[in-house]
Amino acid sequence: MLRLLIRDMGVEPLRDDWSEVLDQTQAGFETWRTWGGKAPPEAP
């Protein structure tokens, strides 16, 4: 939703690195979600 608002609706982001922050957050979510996709990596 945030990416849509900033990119397509003209909302001014508070940070210059907003895209990188959202990419990192999404990657963490996709790694640790408990449904669909790949399972999280095994803990050491």
PDB file of N, CA and C in Angstrom:
ATOM      1  N   MET A   1       0.819  -1.184   0.000  1.00  0.00           N
ATOM      2  CA  MET A   1       0.000   0.000   0.000  1.00  0.00           C
ATOM      3  C   MET A   1       0.869   1.256   0.000  1.00  0.00           C
ATOM      4  N   LEU A   2       1.925   1.260   0.811  1.00  0.00           N
ATOM      5  CA  LEU A   2       2.797   2.430   0.863  1.00  0.00           C
ATOM      6  C   LEU A   2       3.464   2.698  -0.482  1.00  0.00           C
ATOM      7  N   ARG A   3       3.917   1.634  -1.122  1.00  0.00           N
ATOM      8  CA  ARG A   3       4.566   1.796  -2.432  1.00  0.00           C
ATOM      9  C   ARG A   3       3.578   2.397  -3.449  1.00  0.00           C
ATOM     10  N   LEU A   4       2.348   1.932  -3.439  1.00  0.00           N
ATOM     11  CA  LEU A   4       1.312   2.462  -4.330  1.00  0.00           C
ATOM     12  C   LEU A   4       1.087   3.952  -4.070  1.00  0.00           C
ATOM     13  N   LEU A   5       0.957   4.307  -2.809  1.00  0.00           N
ATOM     14  CA  LEU A   5       0.702   5.706  -2.481  1.00  0.00           C
ATOM     15  C   LEU A   5       1.836   6.619  -2.920  1.00  0.00           C
ATOM     16  N   ILE A   6       3.060   6.200  -2.682  1.00  0.00           N
ATOM     17  CA  ILE A   6       4.213   7.032  -3.040  1.00  0.00           C
ATOM     18  C   ILE A   6       4.414   7.068  -4.550  1.00  0.00           C
ATOM     19  N   ARG A   7       4.422   5.909  -5.162  1.00  0.00           N
ATOM     20  CA  ARG A   7       4.756   5.809  -6.585  1.00  0.00           C
ATOM     21  C   ARG A   7       3.628   6.314  -7.493  1.00  0.00           C
ATOM     22  N   ASP A   8       2.387   5.947  -7.177  1.00  0.00           N
ATOM     23  CA  ASP A   8       1.290   6.203  -8.115  1.00  0.00           C
ATOM     24  C   ASP A   8       0.342   7.334  -7.705  1.00  0.00           C
ATOM     25  N   MET A   9       0.301   7.651  -6.420  1.00  0.00           N
ATOM     26  CA  MET A   9      -0.646   8.652  -5.951  1.00  0.00           C
ATOM     27  C   MET A   9       0.013   9.974  -5.568  1.00  0.00           C
ATOM     28  N   GLY A  10       1.335  10.043  -5.694  1.00  0.00           N
ATOM     29  CA  GLY A  10       2.027  11.308  -5.462  1.00  0.00           C
ATOM     30  C   GLY A  10       2.267  11.684  -4.021  1.00  0.00           C
ATOM     31  N   VAL A  11       2.125  10.732  -3.099  1.00  0.00           N
ATOM     32  CA  VAL A  11       2.411  11.027  -1.694  1.00  0.00           C
ATOM     33  C   VAL A  11       3.915  11.218  -1.534  1.00  0.00           C
ATOM     34  N   GLU A  12       4.314  12.270  -0.840  1.00  0.00           N
ATOM     35  CA  GLU A  12       5.729  12.588  -0.652  1.00  0.00           C
ATOM     36  C   GLU A  12       6.303  11.721   0.470  1.00  0.00           C
ATOM     37  N   PRO A  13       7.323  10.900   0.160  1.00  0.00           N
ATOM     38  CA  PRO A  13       7.919  10.058   1.203  1.00  0.00           C
ATOM     39  C   PRO A  13       8.731  10.897   2.191  1.00  0.00           C
ATOM     40  N   LEU A  14       8.837  10.409   3.418  1.00  0.00           N
ATOM     41  CA  LEU A  14       9.620  11.105   4.442  1.00  0.00           C
ATOM     42  C   LEU A  14      11.106  10.809   4.321  1.00  0.00           C
ATOM     43  N   ARG A  15      11.452   9.734   3.610  1.00  0.00           N
ATOM     44  CA  ARG A  15      12.846   9.319   3.462  1.00  0.00           C
ATOM     45  C   ARG A  15      13.193   9.208   1.988  1.00  0.00           C
ATOM     46  N   ASP A  16      14.447   9.503   1.657  1.00  0.00           N
ATOM     47  CA  ASP A  16      14.906   9.343   0.282  1.00  0.00           C
ATOM     48  C   ASP A  16      15.087   7.881  -0.091  1.00  0.00           C
ATOM     49  N   ASP A  17      15.355   7.038   0.916  1.00  0.00           N
ATOM     50  CA  ASP A  17      15.605   5.612   0.671  1.00  0.00           C
ATOM     51  C   ASP A  17      14.372   4.745   0.902  1.00  0.00           C
ATOM     52  N   TRP A  18      13.189   5.319   0.724  1.00  0.00           N
ATOM     53  CA  TRP A  18      11.952   4.610   1.019  1.00  0.00           C
ATOM     54  C   TRP A  18      11.819   3.297   0.242  1.00  0.00           C
ATOM     55  N   SER A  19      12.247   3.288  -1.008  1.00  0.00           N
ATOM     56  CA  SER A  19      12.114   2.079  -1.828  1.00  0.00           C
ATOM     57  C   SER A  19      12.977   0.944  -1.282  1.00  0.00           C
ATOM     58  N   GLU A  20      14.203   1.257  -0.896  1.00  0.00           N
ATOM     59  CA  GLU A  20      15.094   0.236  -0.322  1.00  0.00           C
ATOM     60  C   GLU A  20      14.543  -0.294   1.002  1.00  0.00           C
ATOM     61  N   VAL A  21      13.997   0.605   1.817  1.00  0.00           N
ATOM     62  CA  VAL A  21      13.421   0.186   3.103  1.00  0.00           C
ATOM     63  C   VAL A  21      12.244  -0.758   2.872  1.00  0.00           C
ATOM     64  N   LEU A  22      11.369  -0.426   1.941  1.00  0.00           N
ATOM     65  CA  LEU A  22      10.232  -1.301   1.645  1.00  0.00           C
ATOM     66  C   LEU A  22      10.689  -2.627   1.057  1.00  0.00           C
ATOM     67  N   ASP A  23      11.724  -2.601   0.198  1.00  0.00           N
ATOM     68  CA  ASP A  23      12.254  -3.849  -0.368  1.00  0.00           C
ATOM     69  C   ASP A  23      12.787  -4.763   0.733  1.00  0.00           C
ATOM     70  N   GLN A  24      13.533  -4.213   1.686  1.00  0.00           N
ATOM     71  CA  GLN A  24      14.092  -5.012   2.784  1.00  0.00           C
ATOM     72  C   GLN A  24      12.986  -5.583   3.667  1.00  0.00           C
ATOM     73  N   THR A  25      11.987  -4.765   3.952  1.00  0.00           N
ATOM     74  CA  THR A  25      10.872  -5.221   4.786  1.00  0.00           C
ATOM     75  C   THR A  25      10.095  -6.332   4.093  1.00  0.00           C
ATOM     76  N   GLN A  26       9.847  -6.188   2.800  1.00  0.00           N
ATOM     77  CA  GLN A  26       9.124  -7.212   2.048  1.00  0.00           C
ATOM     78  C   GLN A  26       9.923  -8.508   1.999  1.00  0.00           C
ATOM     79  N   ALA A  27      11.224  -8.405   1.794  1.00  0.00           N
ATOM     80  CA  ALA A  27      12.069  -9.607   1.740  1.00  0.00           C
ATOM     81  C   ALA A  27      12.012 -10.359   3.071  1.00  0.00           C
ATOM     82  N   GLY A  28      12.084  -9.636   4.184  1.00  0.00           N
ATOM     83  CA  GLY A  28      11.984 -10.274   5.494  1.00  0.00           C
ATOM     84  C   GLY A  28      10.634 -10.939   5.697  1.00  0.00           C
ATOM     85  N   PHE A  29       9.575 -10.283   5.279  1.00  0.00           N
ATOM     86  CA  PHE A  29       8.235 -10.858   5.388  1.00  0.00           C
ATOM     87  C   PHE A  29       8.134 -12.141   4.576  1.00  0.00           C
ATOM     88  N   GLU A  30       8.612 -12.105   3.325  1.00  0.00           N
ATOM     89  CA  GLU A  30       8.517 -13.273   2.466  1.00  0.00           C
ATOM     90  C   GLU A  30       9.368 -14.428   2.982  1.00  0.00           C
ATOM     91  N   THR A  31      10.465 -14.134   3.635  1.00  0.00           N
ATOM     92  CA  THR A  31      11.318 -15.169   4.194  1.00  0.00           C
ATOM     93  C   THR A  31      10.652 -15.884   5.360  1.00  0.00           C
ATOM     94  N   TRP A  32       9.972 -15.144   6.226  1.00  0.00           N
ATOM     95  CA  TRP A  32       9.456 -15.708   7.476  1.00  0.00           C
ATOM     96  C   TRP A  32       7.953 -15.935   7.516  1.00  0.00           C
ATOM     97  N   ARG A  33       7.237 -15.660   6.417  1.00  0.00           N
ATOM     98  CA  ARG A  33       5.790 -15.922   6.437  1.00  0.00           C
ATOM     99  C   ARG A  33       5.548 -17.420   6.611  1.00  0.00           C
ATOM    100  N   THR A  34       4.387 -17.769   7.102  1.00  0.00           N
ATOM    101  CA  THR A  34       4.099 -19.169   7.409  1.00  0.00           C
ATOM    102  C   THR A  34       3.121 -19.802   6.421  1.00  0.00           C
ATOM    103  N   TRP A  35       2.854 -19.157   5.317  1.00  0.00           N
ATOM    104  CA  TRP A  35       1.988 -19.743   4.303  1.00  0.00           C
ATOM    105  C   TRP A  35       2.597 -19.504   2.924  1.00  0.00           C
ATOM    106  N   GLY A  36       2.333 -20.417   2.010  1.00  0.00           N
ATOM    107  CA  GLY A  36       2.770 -20.269   0.632  1.00  0.00           C
ATOM    108  C   GLY A  36       4.269 -20.075   0.466  1.00  0.00           C
ATOM    109  N   GLY A  37       4.751 -20.274  -0.717  1.00  0.00           N
ATOM    110  CA  GLY A  37       6.145 -20.012  -1.026  1.00  0.00           C
ATOM    111  C   GLY A  37       7.102 -20.948  -0.304  1.00  0.00           C
ATOM    112  N   LYS A  38       8.343 -20.536  -0.226  1.00  0.00           N
ATOM    113  CA  LYS A  38       9.384 -21.348   0.394  1.00  0.00           C
ATOM    114  C   LYS A  38       9.301 -21.292   1.910  1.00  0.00           C
ATOM    115  N   ALA A  39       9.768 -22.352   2.540  1.00  0.00           N
ATOM    116  CA  ALA A  39       9.852 -22.389   3.997  1.00  0.00           C
ATOM    117  C   ALA A  39      11.047 -21.549   4.438  1.00  0.00           C
ATOM    118  N   PRO A  40      11.026 -21.023   5.673  1.00  0.00           N
ATOM    119  CA  PRO A  40      12.174 -20.259   6.153  1.00  0.00           C
ATOM    120  C   PRO A  40      13.410 -21.158   6.283  1.00  0.00           C
ATOM    121  N   PRO A  41      14.593 -20.565   6.219  1.00  0.00           N
ATOM    122  CA  PRO A  41      15.803 -21.368   6.368  1.00  0.00           C
ATOM    123  C   PRO A  41      15.878 -22.003   7.754  1.00  0.00           C
ATOM    124  N   GLU A  42      16.541 -23.125   7.826  1.00  0.00           N
ATOM    125  CA  GLU A  42      16.696 -23.824   9.107  1.00  0.00           C
ATOM    126  C   GLU A  42      17.594 -23.028  10.040  1.00  0.00           C
ATOM    127  N   ALA A  43      17.243 -22.986  11.298  1.00  0.00           N
ATOM    128  CA  ALA A  43      18.080 -22.317  12.302  1.00  0.00           C
ATOM    129  C   ALA A  43      19.322 -23.159  12.568  1.00  0.00           C
ATOM    130  N   PRO A  44      20.454 -22.503  12.824  1.00  0.00           N
ATOM    131  CA  PRO A  44      21.692 -23.283  13.082  1.00  0.00           C
ATOM    132  C   PRO A  44      21.639 -24.049  14.378  1.00  0.00           C
TER     133      PRO A  44
END
